[in-house]
Amino acid sequence: MANDVSRLITLSRAPYDSNALREGLDVALVAAAFGEPVTLLFQGQGVLALVKDQAAGAPGQKAVHPTLAMLAMYDIDELLVAEESLQRLGLAVEQLIPAARVISNAELAALYRAGRDILHF
């Protein structure tokens, strides 16, 4: 995890609950396209976006995984997951896509301290 996080984007809404998660991913892509270092943190219901083998949501909603797969092209290689959220949802790290990396509460606190701009979706 970078010590000089300039833009921390937290995604805490379920992937098909609203447009919030998708909007957060869009903001991450735009910031990265302009050369800003971006860190994505999935917590709460947002962790559900990282579960493997998902299809699209309700009719008319696009699947989230194609956007997640694009992130690496924008140098967003790591998708951080709050350990507490993973436990609360009863998920194991093996159920998540390979780019997901679980972080402890101590790492989470350090991440928030290091973030200059923190955006919540």
C-alpha atoms as a PDB file:
ATOM      1  CA  MET A   1       0.000   0.000   0.000  1.00  0.00           C
ATOM      2  CA  ALA A   2       1.383   3.356  -0.990  1.00  0.00           C
ATOM      3  CA  ASN A   3       2.266   5.814   1.756  1.00  0.00           C
ATOM      4  CA  ASP A   4       1.502   8.775  -0.515  1.00  0.00           C
ATOM      5  CA  VAL A   5      -2.115   8.084  -1.413  1.00  0.00           C
ATOM      6  CA  SER A   6      -3.482  11.159  -3.120  1.00  0.00           C
ATOM      7  CA  ARG A   7      -6.992   9.966  -3.899  1.00  0.00           C
ATOM      8  CA  LEU A   8      -8.712   7.346  -1.757  1.00  0.00           C
ATOM      9  CA  ILE A   9     -12.051   6.209  -3.113  1.00  0.00           C
ATOM     10  CA  THR A  10     -14.170   4.123  -0.766  1.00  0.00           C
ATOM     11  CA  LEU A  11     -16.938   1.982  -2.199  1.00  0.00           C
ATOM     12  CA  SER A  12     -19.413   0.831   0.428  1.00  0.00           C
ATOM     13  CA  ARG A  13     -22.669   0.365  -1.481  1.00  0.00           C
ATOM     14  CA  ALA A  14     -23.770  -2.968  -2.908  1.00  0.00           C
ATOM     15  CA  PRO A  15     -22.997  -3.260  -6.638  1.00  0.00           C
ATOM     16  CA  TYR A  16     -26.632  -3.280  -7.778  1.00  0.00           C
ATOM     17  CA  ASP A  17     -28.212  -1.334  -4.916  1.00  0.00           C
ATOM     18  CA  SER A  18     -27.747   2.005  -6.676  1.00  0.00           C
ATOM     19  CA  ASN A  19     -25.384   3.708  -9.105  1.00  0.00           C
ATOM     20  CA  ALA A  20     -23.036   4.761  -6.284  1.00  0.00           C
ATOM     21  CA  LEU A  21     -20.491   1.973  -6.732  1.00  0.00           C
ATOM     22  CA  ARG A  22     -20.385   2.409 -10.499  1.00  0.00           C
ATOM     23  CA  GLU A  23     -19.998   6.189 -10.092  1.00  0.00           C
ATOM     24  CA  GLY A  24     -17.098   5.640  -7.690  1.00  0.00           C
ATOM     25  CA  LEU A  25     -15.398   3.377 -10.210  1.00  0.00           C
ATOM     26  CA  ASP A  26     -15.933   6.002 -12.917  1.00  0.00           C
ATOM     27  CA  VAL A  27     -14.318   8.664 -10.729  1.00  0.00           C
ATOM     28  CA  ALA A  28     -11.365   6.334 -10.133  1.00  0.00           C
ATOM     29  CA  LEU A  29     -10.925   5.768 -13.872  1.00  0.00           C
ATOM     30  CA  VAL A  30     -11.070   9.488 -14.671  1.00  0.00           C
ATOM     31  CA  ALA A  31      -8.590  10.407 -11.921  1.00  0.00           C
ATOM     32  CA  ALA A  32      -6.197   7.654 -13.013  1.00  0.00           C
ATOM     33  CA  ALA A  33      -6.523   8.726 -16.653  1.00  0.00           C
ATOM     34  CA  PHE A  34      -5.189  12.131 -15.575  1.00  0.00           C
ATOM     35  CA  GLY A  35      -2.213  10.500 -13.868  1.00  0.00           C
ATOM     36  CA  GLU A  36      -3.417  10.728 -10.279  1.00  0.00           C
ATOM     37  CA  PRO A  37      -2.533   7.838  -8.001  1.00  0.00           C
ATOM     38  CA  VAL A  38      -5.793   6.181  -6.962  1.00  0.00           C
ATOM     39  CA  THR A  39      -6.482   3.690  -4.204  1.00  0.00           C
ATOM     40  CA  LEU A  40      -9.793   1.843  -4.137  1.00  0.00           C
ATOM     41  CA  LEU A  41     -11.156   0.572  -0.849  1.00  0.00           C
ATOM     42  CA  PHE A  42     -14.140  -1.755  -0.780  1.00  0.00           C
ATOM     43  CA  GLN A  43     -15.949  -1.920   2.531  1.00  0.00           C
ATOM     44  CA  GLY A  44     -19.410  -2.722   3.810  1.00  0.00           C
ATOM     45  CA  GLN A  45     -21.726  -3.954   1.065  1.00  0.00           C
ATOM     46  CA  GLY A  46     -19.239  -2.709  -1.551  1.00  0.00           C
ATOM     47  CA  VAL A  47     -17.188  -5.873  -0.963  1.00  0.00           C
ATOM     48  CA  LEU A  48     -19.930  -7.797  -2.781  1.00  0.00           C
ATOM     49  CA  ALA A  49     -18.730  -6.237  -6.058  1.00  0.00           C
ATOM     50  CA  LEU A  50     -15.546  -8.310  -5.762  1.00  0.00           C
ATOM     51  CA  VAL A  51     -17.214 -11.718  -5.465  1.00  0.00           C
ATOM     52  CA  LYS A  52     -16.133 -13.970  -8.357  1.00  0.00           C
ATOM     53  CA  ASP A  53     -18.400 -15.030 -11.245  1.00  0.00           C
ATOM     54  CA  GLN A  54     -21.066 -12.354 -11.048  1.00  0.00           C
ATOM     55  CA  ALA A  55     -23.517 -11.636 -13.803  1.00  0.00           C
ATOM     56  CA  ALA A  56     -25.289  -8.352 -14.442  1.00  0.00           C
ATOM     57  CA  GLY A  57     -27.767  -7.072 -11.906  1.00  0.00           C
ATOM     58  CA  ALA A  58     -31.401  -6.315 -12.556  1.00  0.00           C
ATOM     59  CA  PRO A  59     -32.523  -5.789 -16.160  1.00  0.00           C
ATOM     60  CA  GLY A  60     -30.844  -2.716 -17.571  1.00  0.00           C
ATOM     61  CA  GLN A  61     -27.919  -2.785 -15.136  1.00  0.00           C
ATOM     62  CA  LYS A  62     -24.434  -3.512 -16.401  1.00  0.00           C
ATOM     63  CA  ALA A  63     -22.136  -6.024 -14.731  1.00  0.00           C
ATOM     64  CA  VAL A  64     -19.429  -4.487 -12.551  1.00  0.00           C
ATOM     65  CA  HIS A  65     -16.666  -7.014 -13.324  1.00  0.00           C
ATOM     66  CA  PRO A  66     -15.797  -5.662 -16.799  1.00  0.00           C
ATOM     67  CA  THR A  67     -15.084  -2.263 -15.206  1.00  0.00           C
ATOM     68  CA  LEU A  68     -13.028  -3.903 -12.453  1.00  0.00           C
ATOM     69  CA  ALA A  69     -10.997  -5.739 -15.102  1.00  0.00           C
ATOM     70  CA  MET A  70     -10.226  -2.396 -16.826  1.00  0.00           C
ATOM     71  CA  LEU A  71      -8.744  -0.840 -13.685  1.00  0.00           C
ATOM     72  CA  ALA A  72      -5.334  -2.449 -14.220  1.00  0.00           C
ATOM     73  CA  MET A  73      -5.008  -0.614 -17.553  1.00  0.00           C
ATOM     74  CA  TYR A  74      -5.175   2.605 -15.523  1.00  0.00           C
ATOM     75  CA  ASP A  75      -2.528   1.446 -13.019  1.00  0.00           C
ATOM     76  CA  ILE A  76      -5.110   0.620 -10.352  1.00  0.00           C
ATOM     77  CA  ASP A  77      -3.764  -2.837  -9.628  1.00  0.00           C
ATOM     78  CA  GLU A  78      -4.905  -3.418  -6.080  1.00  0.00           C
ATOM     79  CA  LEU A  79      -8.447  -3.465  -4.783  1.00  0.00           C
ATOM     80  CA  LEU A  80      -8.326  -3.163  -1.027  1.00  0.00           C
ATOM     81  CA  VAL A  81     -10.927  -4.887   1.123  1.00  0.00           C
ATOM     82  CA  ALA A  82     -11.624  -4.050   4.747  1.00  0.00           C
ATOM     83  CA  GLU A  83     -11.129  -7.278   6.724  1.00  0.00           C
ATOM     84  CA  GLU A  84     -13.951  -6.404   9.101  1.00  0.00           C
ATOM     85  CA  SER A  85     -16.397  -6.031   6.198  1.00  0.00           C
ATOM     86  CA  LEU A  86     -15.352  -9.368   4.742  1.00  0.00           C
ATOM     87  CA  GLN A  87     -15.973 -11.057   8.089  1.00  0.00           C
ATOM     88  CA  ARG A  88     -19.295  -9.295   8.623  1.00  0.00           C
ATOM     89  CA  LEU A  89     -20.513 -10.530   5.230  1.00  0.00           C
ATOM     90  CA  GLY A  90     -19.324 -14.072   5.968  1.00  0.00           C
ATOM     91  CA  LEU A  91     -17.042 -14.156   2.925  1.00  0.00           C
ATOM     92  CA  ALA A  92     -13.608 -15.707   2.524  1.00  0.00           C
ATOM     93  CA  VAL A  93     -10.844 -14.071   0.493  1.00  0.00           C
ATOM     94  CA  GLU A  94     -10.932 -17.077  -1.861  1.00  0.00           C
ATOM     95  CA  GLN A  95     -14.402 -16.002  -2.962  1.00  0.00           C
ATOM     96  CA  LEU A  96     -13.089 -12.680  -4.260  1.00  0.00           C
ATOM     97  CA  ILE A  97     -11.446 -11.808  -7.560  1.00  0.00           C
ATOM     98  CA  PRO A  98      -7.621 -12.130  -7.581  1.00  0.00           C
ATOM     99  CA  ALA A  99      -6.959  -8.365  -7.484  1.00  0.00           C
ATOM    100  CA  ALA A 100      -8.601  -8.091  -4.042  1.00  0.00           C
ATOM    101  CA  ARG A 101      -6.281  -7.662  -1.066  1.00  0.00           C
ATOM    102  CA  VAL A 102      -7.647  -7.784   2.467  1.00  0.00           C
ATOM    103  CA  ILE A 103      -6.336  -5.163   4.880  1.00  0.00           C
ATOM    104  CA  SER A 104      -6.500  -5.129   8.671  1.00  0.00           C
ATOM    105  CA  ASN A 105      -8.055  -2.420  10.830  1.00  0.00           C
ATOM    106  CA  ALA A 106      -4.575  -0.995  11.486  1.00  0.00           C
ATOM    107  CA  GLU A 107      -3.857  -0.800   7.740  1.00  0.00           C
ATOM    108  CA  LEU A 108      -7.286   0.748   7.200  1.00  0.00           C
ATOM    109  CA  ALA A 109      -6.547   3.484   9.746  1.00  0.00           C
ATOM    110  CA  ALA A 110      -3.168   4.175   8.105  1.00  0.00           C
ATOM    111  CA  LEU A 111      -4.836   4.352   4.711  1.00  0.00           C
ATOM    112  CA  TYR A 112      -7.277   7.010   5.919  1.00  0.00           C
ATOM    113  CA  ARG A 113      -4.435   9.001   7.506  1.00  0.00           C
ATOM    114  CA  ALA A 114      -2.426   8.885   4.257  1.00  0.00           C
ATOM    115  CA  GLY A 115      -5.281   9.939   1.991  1.00  0.00           C
ATOM    116  CA  ARG A 116      -5.233  13.559   0.911  1.00  0.00           C
ATOM    117  CA  ASP A 117      -8.570  13.403  -0.896  1.00  0.00           C
ATOM    118  CA  ILE A 118     -11.082  10.850   0.319  1.00  0.00           C
ATOM    119  CA  LEU A 119     -14.251  10.260  -1.642  1.00  0.00           C
ATOM    120  CA  HIS A 120     -17.039   8.002  -0.374  1.00  0.00           C
ATOM    121  CA  PHE A 121     -19.475   6.210  -2.649  1.00  0.00           C
END
